[in-house]
């Protein structure tokens, strides 16, 4: 189960990094970071709602989308500071 969670995280991260590439240049980096952290927080809050493993996979995908929004933009925000 742990290996599958890590694999889903990696695959989702690569897919959304490509999809969000234009978004990073279009919007303010701090706004993107804010929404990414919000999405990561929501994914953690949703985990205890259901006990099914598929629910965990959905929460991992939501977390990874938030992570994909935060990590590259955090580097950009630090570089611009």
N, C-alpha and C. Protein backbone atom coordinates (compact mmCIF):
# COMPACT_ATOMS: atom_id res chain seq x y z
N UNK A 1 0.83 -1.20 0.00
CA UNK A 1 0.00 0.00 0.00
C UNK A 1 0.87 1.26 0.00
N UNK A 2 1.95 1.25 0.78
CA UNK A 2 2.82 2.43 0.85
C UNK A 2 3.50 2.69 -0.49
N UNK A 3 3.93 1.62 -1.15
CA UNK A 3 4.57 1.77 -2.45
C UNK A 3 3.60 2.34 -3.47
N UNK A 4 2.37 1.91 -3.42
CA UNK A 4 1.35 2.41 -4.34
C UNK A 4 1.07 3.90 -4.09
N UNK A 5 1.04 4.30 -2.84
CA UNK A 5 0.82 5.71 -2.51
C UNK A 5 1.96 6.57 -3.06
N UNK A 6 3.19 6.11 -2.89
CA UNK A 6 4.35 6.86 -3.39
C UNK A 6 4.33 6.92 -4.92
N UNK A 7 3.96 5.82 -5.56
CA UNK A 7 3.89 5.78 -7.02
C UNK A 7 2.82 6.73 -7.54
N UNK A 8 1.65 6.72 -6.91
CA UNK A 8 0.57 7.63 -7.31
C UNK A 8 1.01 9.08 -7.13
N UNK A 9 1.70 9.36 -6.03
CA UNK A 9 2.20 10.71 -5.78
C UNK A 9 3.16 11.14 -6.89
N UNK A 10 4.07 10.29 -7.26
CA UNK A 10 5.07 10.64 -8.28
C UNK A 10 4.43 10.85 -9.65
N UNK A 11 3.58 9.93 -10.05
CA UNK A 11 2.94 10.03 -11.37
C UNK A 11 2.05 11.26 -11.45
N UNK A 12 1.26 11.49 -10.41
CA UNK A 12 0.38 12.66 -10.39
C UNK A 12 1.19 13.95 -10.41
N UNK A 13 2.29 13.98 -9.67
CA UNK A 13 3.14 15.17 -9.65
C UNK A 13 3.70 15.51 -11.02
N UNK A 14 4.17 14.51 -11.74
CA UNK A 14 4.72 14.75 -13.08
C UNK A 14 3.64 15.23 -14.03
N UNK A 15 2.48 14.59 -13.99
CA UNK A 15 1.38 14.97 -14.89
C UNK A 15 0.94 16.41 -14.64
N UNK A 16 0.72 16.76 -13.37
CA UNK A 16 0.23 18.10 -13.08
C UNK A 16 1.30 19.16 -13.22
N UNK A 17 2.57 18.80 -13.10
CA UNK A 17 3.63 19.78 -13.34
C UNK A 17 3.59 20.24 -14.80
N UNK A 18 3.35 19.31 -15.69
CA UNK A 18 3.25 19.66 -17.12
C UNK A 18 1.99 20.47 -17.38
N UNK A 19 0.88 20.06 -16.76
CA UNK A 19 -0.39 20.76 -17.00
C UNK A 19 -0.41 22.17 -16.40
N UNK A 20 0.27 22.38 -15.29
CA UNK A 20 0.24 23.67 -14.61
C UNK A 20 1.34 24.62 -15.05
N UNK A 21 2.14 24.23 -16.03
CA UNK A 21 3.30 25.04 -16.45
C UNK A 21 2.87 26.46 -16.85
N UNK A 22 1.83 26.60 -17.63
CA UNK A 22 1.37 27.92 -18.06
C UNK A 22 0.75 28.70 -16.91
N UNK A 23 0.13 27.99 -15.98
CA UNK A 23 -0.48 28.62 -14.81
C UNK A 23 0.57 29.33 -13.96
N UNK A 24 1.76 28.75 -13.87
CA UNK A 24 2.83 29.34 -13.07
C UNK A 24 3.26 30.70 -13.61
N UNK A 25 3.23 30.87 -14.91
CA UNK A 25 3.65 32.13 -15.52
C UNK A 25 2.53 33.17 -15.55
N UNK A 26 1.29 32.71 -15.47
CA UNK A 26 0.15 33.60 -15.66
C UNK A 26 -0.29 34.29 -14.36
N UNK A 27 -0.21 33.60 -13.23
CA UNK A 27 -0.75 34.13 -11.98
C UNK A 27 0.35 34.47 -10.98
N UNK A 28 0.00 35.22 -9.98
CA UNK A 28 0.91 35.62 -8.92
C UNK A 28 1.38 34.39 -8.13
N UNK A 29 2.68 34.32 -7.88
CA UNK A 29 3.23 33.13 -7.22
C UNK A 29 2.70 32.96 -5.80
N UNK A 30 2.52 34.05 -5.06
CA UNK A 30 2.02 33.91 -3.69
C UNK A 30 0.58 33.43 -3.66
N UNK A 31 -0.22 33.81 -4.64
CA UNK A 31 -1.60 33.31 -4.71
C UNK A 31 -1.62 31.82 -5.01
N UNK A 32 -0.75 31.39 -5.90
CA UNK A 32 -0.69 29.96 -6.23
C UNK A 32 -0.23 29.17 -5.01
N UNK A 33 0.75 29.70 -4.27
CA UNK A 33 1.21 29.02 -3.05
C UNK A 33 0.08 28.92 -2.04
N UNK A 34 -0.68 30.00 -1.90
CA UNK A 34 -1.79 30.02 -0.94
C UNK A 34 -2.82 28.95 -1.28
N UNK A 35 -3.20 28.84 -2.54
CA UNK A 35 -4.19 27.84 -2.92
C UNK A 35 -3.62 26.42 -2.85
N UNK A 36 -2.34 26.27 -3.10
CA UNK A 36 -1.71 24.97 -2.98
C UNK A 36 -1.69 24.47 -1.55
N UNK A 37 -1.34 25.36 -0.62
CA UNK A 37 -1.33 24.99 0.80
C UNK A 37 -2.75 24.68 1.27
N UNK A 38 -3.72 25.45 0.80
CA UNK A 38 -5.11 25.18 1.14
C UNK A 38 -5.54 23.81 0.66
N UNK A 39 -5.19 23.45 -0.56
CA UNK A 39 -5.54 22.14 -1.10
C UNK A 39 -4.84 21.02 -0.34
N UNK A 40 -3.59 21.23 0.04
CA UNK A 40 -2.88 20.23 0.83
C UNK A 40 -3.55 20.04 2.20
N UNK A 41 -3.97 21.13 2.82
CA UNK A 41 -4.63 21.06 4.12
C UNK A 41 -5.96 20.34 4.02
N UNK A 42 -6.72 20.65 2.99
CA UNK A 42 -8.01 19.98 2.80
C UNK A 42 -7.82 18.49 2.59
N UNK A 43 -6.79 18.11 1.85
CA UNK A 43 -6.56 16.68 1.61
C UNK A 43 -6.26 15.95 2.92
N UNK A 44 -5.51 16.58 3.82
CA UNK A 44 -5.25 15.96 5.12
C UNK A 44 -6.51 15.87 5.97
N UNK A 45 -7.35 16.88 5.90
CA UNK A 45 -8.59 16.86 6.68
C UNK A 45 -9.58 15.82 6.17
N UNK A 46 -9.52 15.48 4.89
CA UNK A 46 -10.46 14.52 4.31
C UNK A 46 -10.08 13.07 4.57
N UNK A 47 -8.84 12.79 4.93
CA UNK A 47 -8.38 11.41 5.09
C UNK A 47 -9.24 10.61 6.08
N UNK A 48 -9.57 11.13 7.27
CA UNK A 48 -10.31 10.28 8.23
C UNK A 48 -11.80 10.08 7.92
N UNK A 49 -12.31 10.67 6.86
CA UNK A 49 -13.75 10.55 6.58
C UNK A 49 -14.16 9.13 6.22
N UNK A 50 -13.33 8.42 5.46
CA UNK A 50 -13.65 7.07 5.02
C UNK A 50 -12.46 6.16 5.27
N UNK A 51 -12.72 4.88 5.47
CA UNK A 51 -11.66 3.92 5.77
C UNK A 51 -11.18 3.16 4.55
N UNK A 52 -11.77 3.39 3.40
CA UNK A 52 -11.43 2.62 2.20
C UNK A 52 -10.09 3.09 1.62
N UNK A 53 -9.25 2.16 1.14
CA UNK A 53 -7.95 2.56 0.58
C UNK A 53 -8.06 3.48 -0.64
N UNK A 54 -9.11 3.34 -1.43
CA UNK A 54 -9.28 4.22 -2.58
C UNK A 54 -9.46 5.67 -2.15
N UNK A 55 -10.08 5.87 -1.00
CA UNK A 55 -10.23 7.23 -0.49
C UNK A 55 -8.87 7.84 -0.17
N UNK A 56 -7.97 7.02 0.35
CA UNK A 56 -6.62 7.48 0.61
C UNK A 56 -5.93 7.89 -0.68
N UNK A 57 -6.14 7.13 -1.75
CA UNK A 57 -5.54 7.46 -3.04
C UNK A 57 -6.07 8.80 -3.56
N UNK A 58 -7.36 9.05 -3.38
CA UNK A 58 -7.94 10.33 -3.80
C UNK A 58 -7.32 11.48 -3.00
N UNK A 59 -7.15 11.27 -1.70
CA UNK A 59 -6.54 12.30 -0.87
C UNK A 59 -5.08 12.53 -1.24
N UNK A 60 -4.37 11.46 -1.62
CA UNK A 60 -2.98 11.60 -2.06
C UNK A 60 -2.93 12.41 -3.36
N UNK A 61 -3.86 12.17 -4.26
CA UNK A 61 -3.89 12.93 -5.51
C UNK A 61 -4.16 14.41 -5.23
N UNK A 62 -5.10 14.71 -4.33
CA UNK A 62 -5.36 16.11 -3.96
C UNK A 62 -4.14 16.75 -3.33
N UNK A 63 -3.47 16.01 -2.44
CA UNK A 63 -2.27 16.52 -1.81
C UNK A 63 -1.19 16.81 -2.84
N UNK A 64 -1.04 15.90 -3.79
CA UNK A 64 0.00 16.06 -4.81
C UNK A 64 -0.27 17.26 -5.70
N UNK A 65 -1.54 17.51 -6.01
CA UNK A 65 -1.87 18.70 -6.80
C UNK A 65 -1.47 19.96 -6.02
N UNK A 66 -1.80 19.99 -4.74
CA UNK A 66 -1.38 21.12 -3.91
C UNK A 66 0.13 21.25 -3.82
N UNK A 67 0.79 20.13 -3.67
CA UNK A 67 2.25 20.11 -3.61
C UNK A 67 2.86 20.62 -4.92
N UNK A 68 2.25 20.25 -6.03
CA UNK A 68 2.73 20.70 -7.33
C UNK A 68 2.55 22.21 -7.49
N UNK A 69 1.54 22.75 -6.85
CA UNK A 69 1.35 24.20 -6.89
C UNK A 69 2.34 24.93 -5.98
N UNK A 70 2.65 24.33 -4.83
CA UNK A 70 3.47 25.02 -3.83
C UNK A 70 4.96 24.97 -4.13
N UNK A 71 5.50 23.80 -4.38
CA UNK A 71 6.96 23.64 -4.41
C UNK A 71 7.66 24.49 -5.47
N UNK A 72 7.25 24.46 -6.74
CA UNK A 72 7.97 25.31 -7.71
C UNK A 72 7.79 26.80 -7.43
N UNK A 73 6.62 27.18 -6.99
CA UNK A 73 6.35 28.59 -6.75
C UNK A 73 7.03 29.10 -5.49
N UNK A 74 7.27 28.23 -4.52
CA UNK A 74 8.02 28.64 -3.34
C UNK A 74 9.45 29.02 -3.73
N UNK A 75 10.05 28.25 -4.62
CA UNK A 75 11.39 28.58 -5.10
C UNK A 75 11.39 29.91 -5.86
N UNK A 76 10.36 30.13 -6.67
CA UNK A 76 10.25 31.38 -7.43
C UNK A 76 10.06 32.56 -6.48
N UNK A 77 9.21 32.39 -5.46
CA UNK A 77 8.96 33.48 -4.51
C UNK A 77 10.23 33.82 -3.72
N UNK A 78 11.00 32.81 -3.34
CA UNK A 78 12.25 33.06 -2.62
C UNK A 78 13.26 33.75 -3.53
N UNK A 79 13.33 33.32 -4.78
CA UNK A 79 14.27 33.93 -5.72
C UNK A 79 13.91 35.39 -6.01
N UNK A 80 12.62 35.70 -6.02
CA UNK A 80 12.19 37.08 -6.28
C UNK A 80 12.30 37.98 -5.05
N UNK A 81 12.47 37.39 -3.87
CA UNK A 81 12.56 38.17 -2.64
C UNK A 81 13.89 38.83 -2.60
